[in-house]
């Protein structure tokens, strides 16, 4: 698969590094990392044993594929600096939320091979969900290669770019919504007398198990919910409260708000 470079070695960059090495998609000698913060490079070199670089230009020159793992507000500062060094046959992969392929092409040229990817933070534990879209210059083989990279720390699916904002609102922002729900479940248990540490463990494992049921069985969530809501039982009593308090409407509004914000970032 050639060589790969990471422009940015933060949490997401390190999650990707771990996935690539565990999946043995690349040898350590074929992975390069540049980060402006020296302690980050020292940590990456120690933890992963890949090749860290002090200059961005060197990273670009040595990499067949380049992943820009930086924040959306940083990318417009970075791309002009490296535009003259990047070659048209190199794959440019960007994970900055809300930054469109068109915007990237404005800096690098219409003939550049560009992929836009939206991963999420569960990549840190090998359970990421990534959406991938590519411009017309990217071949099917190169798209498959990129999907393999992002599948190494979870799941990756090719989508049309028009879906990327809602992907950001759902899987990109969604983990934070789930953390809030886990915290709320735990608070309810604490209110009823359960120790805090145990409450978080029970709540988190319950959410993990329920999610795995949806993925493994491929059944509609409503069907799985019906299985545990016995007539006149404890679960239906709780479900009634959630419906009355508007859990579903609030979750839908949260995804819509995050999607709207992603669209705004892309303007």
Protein backbone atom coordinates (compact mmCIF):
# COMPACT_ATOMS: atom_id res chain seq x y z
CA UNK A 1 0.00 0.00 0.00
CA UNK A 2 3.04 2.25 -0.29
CA UNK A 3 3.78 4.81 2.40
CA UNK A 4 1.39 6.89 4.51
CA UNK A 5 1.88 10.16 6.34
CA UNK A 6 -0.06 11.78 9.16
CA UNK A 7 -0.11 15.56 9.32
CA UNK A 8 -1.16 15.79 12.96
CA UNK A 9 -0.60 13.27 15.72
CA UNK A 10 -3.38 14.02 18.19
CA UNK A 11 -5.89 11.56 19.65
CA UNK A 12 -7.50 10.67 16.34
CA UNK A 13 -4.17 10.39 14.58
CA UNK A 14 -2.89 8.05 17.28
CA UNK A 15 -6.08 5.95 17.11
CA UNK A 16 -5.52 5.52 13.37
CA UNK A 17 -1.87 4.62 13.92
CA UNK A 18 -2.83 1.93 16.40
CA UNK A 19 -5.42 0.50 14.04
CA UNK A 20 -3.06 0.41 11.07
CA UNK A 21 -0.33 -1.32 13.05
CA UNK A 22 -2.66 -3.86 14.64
CA UNK A 23 -4.18 -4.69 11.25
CA UNK A 24 -0.64 -4.89 9.78
CA UNK A 25 -1.68 -2.74 6.82
CA UNK A 26 1.63 -0.89 6.90
CA UNK A 27 5.08 -1.59 8.27
CA UNK A 28 6.32 0.88 10.88
CA UNK A 29 9.02 2.02 8.46
CA UNK A 30 6.34 3.08 5.96
CA UNK A 31 4.42 5.33 8.37
CA UNK A 32 5.44 8.95 8.88
CA UNK A 33 4.06 11.48 11.34
CA UNK A 34 4.51 15.23 11.55
CA UNK A 35 3.17 17.38 14.37
CA UNK A 36 4.07 20.93 15.29
CA UNK A 37 4.16 19.97 18.99
CA UNK A 38 7.44 18.21 19.76
CA UNK A 39 6.24 16.30 22.88
CA UNK A 40 3.50 14.70 20.75
CA UNK A 41 6.10 13.42 18.30
CA UNK A 42 8.21 12.07 21.15
CA UNK A 43 5.21 10.20 22.56
CA UNK A 44 4.30 8.75 19.14
CA UNK A 45 7.85 7.62 18.52
CA UNK A 46 7.95 5.92 21.92
CA UNK A 47 4.48 4.35 21.77
CA UNK A 48 4.34 3.28 18.13
CA UNK A 49 7.89 3.17 16.80
CA UNK A 50 6.93 4.85 13.53
CA UNK A 51 9.01 7.50 11.80
CA UNK A 52 8.41 11.00 13.19
CA UNK A 53 9.46 14.05 11.22
CA UNK A 54 10.31 17.63 12.15
CA UNK A 55 9.23 19.20 8.83
CA UNK A 56 5.87 19.08 7.07
CA UNK A 57 7.48 19.23 3.62
CA UNK A 58 9.47 16.10 4.37
CA UNK A 59 6.28 14.29 5.37
CA UNK A 60 4.61 15.21 2.08
CA UNK A 61 7.59 14.13 -0.01
CA UNK A 62 7.87 10.73 1.68
CA UNK A 63 4.16 9.78 1.69
CA UNK A 64 2.05 8.22 -1.05
CA UNK A 65 -1.08 8.93 1.01
CA UNK A 66 -1.37 11.89 3.38
CA UNK A 67 -3.94 12.09 6.16
CA UNK A 68 -4.58 15.61 7.40
CA UNK A 69 -5.65 14.93 11.00
CA UNK A 70 -6.10 18.55 12.07
CA UNK A 71 -9.00 20.74 13.23
CA UNK A 72 -11.20 22.53 10.66
CA UNK A 73 -9.85 25.95 11.60
CA UNK A 74 -6.25 24.77 11.17
CA UNK A 75 -6.64 23.23 7.71
CA UNK A 76 -6.92 26.54 5.76
CA UNK A 77 -3.57 27.56 7.26
CA UNK A 78 -1.92 24.23 6.48
CA UNK A 79 -2.99 23.53 2.90
CA UNK A 80 -1.47 26.67 1.32
CA UNK A 81 1.84 25.84 3.00
CA UNK A 82 2.05 22.36 1.46
CA UNK A 83 0.22 22.92 -1.84
CA UNK A 84 3.42 23.36 -3.86
CA UNK A 85 4.91 20.15 -2.47
CA UNK A 86 1.97 17.79 -2.94
CA UNK A 87 1.98 15.83 -6.20
CA UNK A 88 -1.18 15.07 -8.15
CA UNK A 89 -0.74 11.29 -7.85
CA UNK A 90 -0.72 11.45 -4.04
CA UNK A 91 -3.88 10.69 -2.06
CA UNK A 92 -4.98 13.59 0.15
CA UNK A 93 -7.26 12.38 2.96
CA UNK A 94 -8.87 14.99 5.19
CA UNK A 95 -10.76 14.28 8.43
CA UNK A 96 -11.57 17.90 9.37
CA UNK A 97 -15.30 18.25 10.07
CA UNK A 98 -17.28 20.35 7.64
CA UNK A 99 -14.44 20.94 5.16
CA UNK A 100 -15.66 20.01 1.68
CA UNK A 101 -13.77 18.41 -1.16
CA UNK A 102 -14.38 21.58 -3.17
CA UNK A 103 -12.70 23.68 -0.47
CA UNK A 104 -9.67 21.39 -0.40
CA UNK A 105 -9.48 21.46 -4.20
CA UNK A 106 -9.45 25.26 -4.10
CA UNK A 107 -6.08 25.01 -2.36
CA UNK A 108 -4.61 21.96 -4.09
CA UNK A 109 -6.17 22.05 -7.57
CA UNK A 110 -9.05 20.32 -9.32
CA UNK A 111 -6.85 17.43 -10.51
CA UNK A 112 -5.73 16.42 -7.00
CA UNK A 113 -6.87 13.05 -5.61
CA UNK A 114 -8.96 14.04 -2.57
CA UNK A 115 -10.92 12.01 -0.02
CA UNK A 116 -13.01 13.44 2.77
CA UNK A 117 -13.50 11.24 5.82
CA UNK A 118 -15.56 11.64 8.99
CA UNK A 119 -14.32 9.25 11.71
CA UNK A 120 -15.36 9.41 15.35
CA UNK A 121 -13.68 9.10 18.74
CA UNK A 122 -14.60 5.45 19.48
CA UNK A 123 -11.79 4.76 17.02
CA UNK A 124 -9.62 5.07 20.13
CA UNK A 125 -10.98 1.69 21.31
CA UNK A 126 -11.22 0.09 17.87
CA UNK A 127 -14.94 0.77 17.46
CA UNK A 128 -14.92 3.81 15.19
CA UNK A 129 -17.51 4.59 12.53
CA UNK A 130 -16.13 6.40 9.49
CA UNK A 131 -17.79 7.76 6.36
CA UNK A 132 -15.62 8.16 3.26
CA UNK A 133 -16.26 10.10 0.06
CA UNK A 134 -13.92 10.80 -2.84
CA UNK A 135 -13.65 13.10 -5.81
CA UNK A 136 -13.59 11.95 -9.44
CA UNK A 137 -9.80 11.65 -9.51
CA UNK A 138 -9.73 8.81 -6.96
CA UNK A 139 -9.81 5.30 -8.44
CA UNK A 140 -11.93 2.44 -7.10
CA UNK A 141 -8.73 0.76 -5.88
CA UNK A 142 -7.67 3.90 -4.02
CA UNK A 143 -11.12 4.24 -2.45
CA UNK A 144 -10.93 0.60 -1.32
CA UNK A 145 -7.49 1.26 0.13
CA UNK A 146 -8.82 4.21 2.14
CA UNK A 147 -11.79 2.17 3.38
CA UNK A 148 -9.33 -0.51 4.54
CA UNK A 149 -7.34 2.11 6.47
CA UNK A 150 -10.39 3.39 8.35
CA UNK A 151 -11.84 -0.11 8.81
CA UNK A 152 -8.71 -1.03 10.76
CA UNK A 153 -10.14 0.72 13.84
CA UNK A 154 -13.86 0.09 13.39
CA UNK A 155 -16.17 0.29 10.39
CA UNK A 156 -15.92 2.46 7.27
CA UNK A 157 -18.54 3.05 4.59
CA UNK A 158 -18.38 4.95 1.31
CA UNK A 159 -21.09 7.63 1.06
CA UNK A 160 -21.90 10.50 -1.31
CA UNK A 161 -20.53 13.82 -0.07
CA UNK A 162 -24.03 15.24 0.40
CA UNK A 163 -24.39 12.83 3.36
CA UNK A 164 -21.26 14.00 5.16
CA UNK A 165 -22.90 16.73 7.22
CA UNK A 166 -25.54 14.37 8.62
CA UNK A 167 -22.82 11.77 9.23
CA UNK A 168 -21.06 14.42 11.30
CA UNK A 169 -24.29 15.12 13.18
CA UNK A 170 -24.94 11.43 13.84
CA UNK A 171 -21.74 9.42 14.25
CA UNK A 172 -19.33 12.33 14.63
CA UNK A 173 -21.23 14.10 17.42
CA UNK A 174 -23.29 11.10 18.52
CA UNK A 175 -20.79 9.66 21.01
CA UNK A 176 -21.20 12.79 23.15
CA UNK A 177 -24.98 12.31 23.13
CA UNK A 178 -24.54 8.69 24.22
CA UNK A 179 -22.15 9.73 27.01
CA UNK A 180 -24.84 12.09 28.29
CA UNK A 181 -27.37 9.24 28.23
CA UNK A 182 -24.98 6.93 30.09
CA UNK A 183 -24.39 9.61 32.70
CA UNK A 184 -28.14 10.17 33.08
CA UNK A 185 -28.80 6.44 33.48
CA UNK A 186 -26.09 6.28 36.14
CA UNK A 187 -27.48 9.33 37.94
CA UNK A 188 -30.86 7.62 38.08
CA UNK A 189 -29.28 4.58 39.68
CA UNK A 190 -27.32 6.72 42.15
CA UNK A 191 -30.56 8.47 43.09
CA UNK A 192 -31.99 5.06 43.92
CA UNK A 193 -29.00 4.13 46.09
CA UNK A 194 -26.41 2.52 43.82
CA UNK A 195 -22.76 3.59 44.36
CA UNK A 196 -21.47 5.92 41.62
CA UNK A 197 -18.70 3.66 40.32
CA UNK A 198 -21.04 0.68 40.01
CA UNK A 199 -23.71 2.84 38.37
CA UNK A 200 -21.35 3.91 35.58
CA UNK A 201 -20.23 0.33 35.01
CA UNK A 202 -23.80 -0.98 34.82
CA UNK A 203 -24.95 1.89 32.60
CA UNK A 204 -22.02 1.70 30.17
CA UNK A 205 -22.19 -2.07 29.80
CA UNK A 206 -25.95 -1.89 29.27
CA UNK A 207 -25.54 0.62 26.43
CA UNK A 208 -22.67 -1.41 24.93
CA UNK A 209 -24.67 -4.62 25.05
CA UNK A 210 -27.79 -3.02 23.58
CA UNK A 211 -25.78 -1.52 20.71
CA UNK A 212 -24.19 -4.89 19.97
CA UNK A 213 -27.65 -6.47 19.87
CA UNK A 214 -28.73 -4.01 17.17
CA UNK A 215 -25.58 -4.61 15.12
CA UNK A 216 -25.46 -8.39 15.56
CA UNK A 217 -29.14 -9.21 15.03
CA UNK A 218 -29.83 -6.51 12.40
CA UNK A 219 -33.34 -6.33 13.83
CA UNK A 220 -35.24 -3.07 14.09
CA UNK A 221 -34.51 -1.37 17.43
CA UNK A 222 -38.25 -1.22 18.10
CA UNK A 223 -38.49 -5.02 17.80
CA UNK A 224 -35.67 -5.47 20.31
CA UNK A 225 -37.32 -2.95 22.61
CA UNK A 226 -40.64 -4.84 22.42
CA UNK A 227 -38.93 -8.03 23.60
CA UNK A 228 -38.07 -6.54 26.97
CA UNK A 229 -41.25 -4.52 27.58
CA UNK A 230 -43.55 -7.01 29.27
CA UNK A 231 -47.18 -5.98 29.83
CA UNK A 232 -47.45 -4.01 33.06
CA UNK A 233 -43.73 -4.53 33.76
CA UNK A 234 -40.84 -2.38 34.91
CA UNK A 235 -39.45 -1.59 31.46
CA UNK A 236 -42.68 -0.25 29.97
CA UNK A 237 -43.06 1.96 33.02
CA UNK A 238 -39.67 3.51 32.26
CA UNK A 239 -40.35 3.71 28.52
CA UNK A 240 -43.55 5.64 29.21
CA UNK A 241 -41.56 8.27 31.14
CA UNK A 242 -38.99 8.61 28.36
CA UNK A 243 -41.75 9.08 25.79
CA UNK A 244 -43.56 11.60 27.98
CA UNK A 245 -40.35 13.58 28.56
CA UNK A 246 -39.52 13.66 24.85
CA UNK A 247 -36.35 11.57 24.64
CA UNK A 248 -36.82 10.75 20.96
CA UNK A 249 -37.63 14.31 19.93
CA UNK A 250 -34.63 15.63 21.86
CA UNK A 251 -32.29 13.11 20.22
CA UNK A 252 -33.59 13.98 16.76
CA UNK A 253 -33.15 17.70 17.44
CA UNK A 254 -29.61 17.12 18.70
CA UNK A 255 -28.59 15.32 15.48
CA UNK A 256 -30.25 18.03 13.39
CA UNK A 257 -28.47 20.81 15.33
CA UNK A 258 -25.08 19.13 14.91
CA UNK A 259 -25.76 18.57 11.19
CA UNK A 260 -26.70 22.23 10.76
CA UNK A 261 -23.48 23.30 12.49
CA UNK A 262 -21.45 21.05 10.18
CA UNK A 263 -23.05 22.72 7.16
CA UNK A 264 -22.16 26.13 8.59
CA UNK A 265 -18.54 25.10 9.07
CA UNK A 266 -18.37 24.14 5.41
CA UNK A 267 -19.41 27.56 4.17
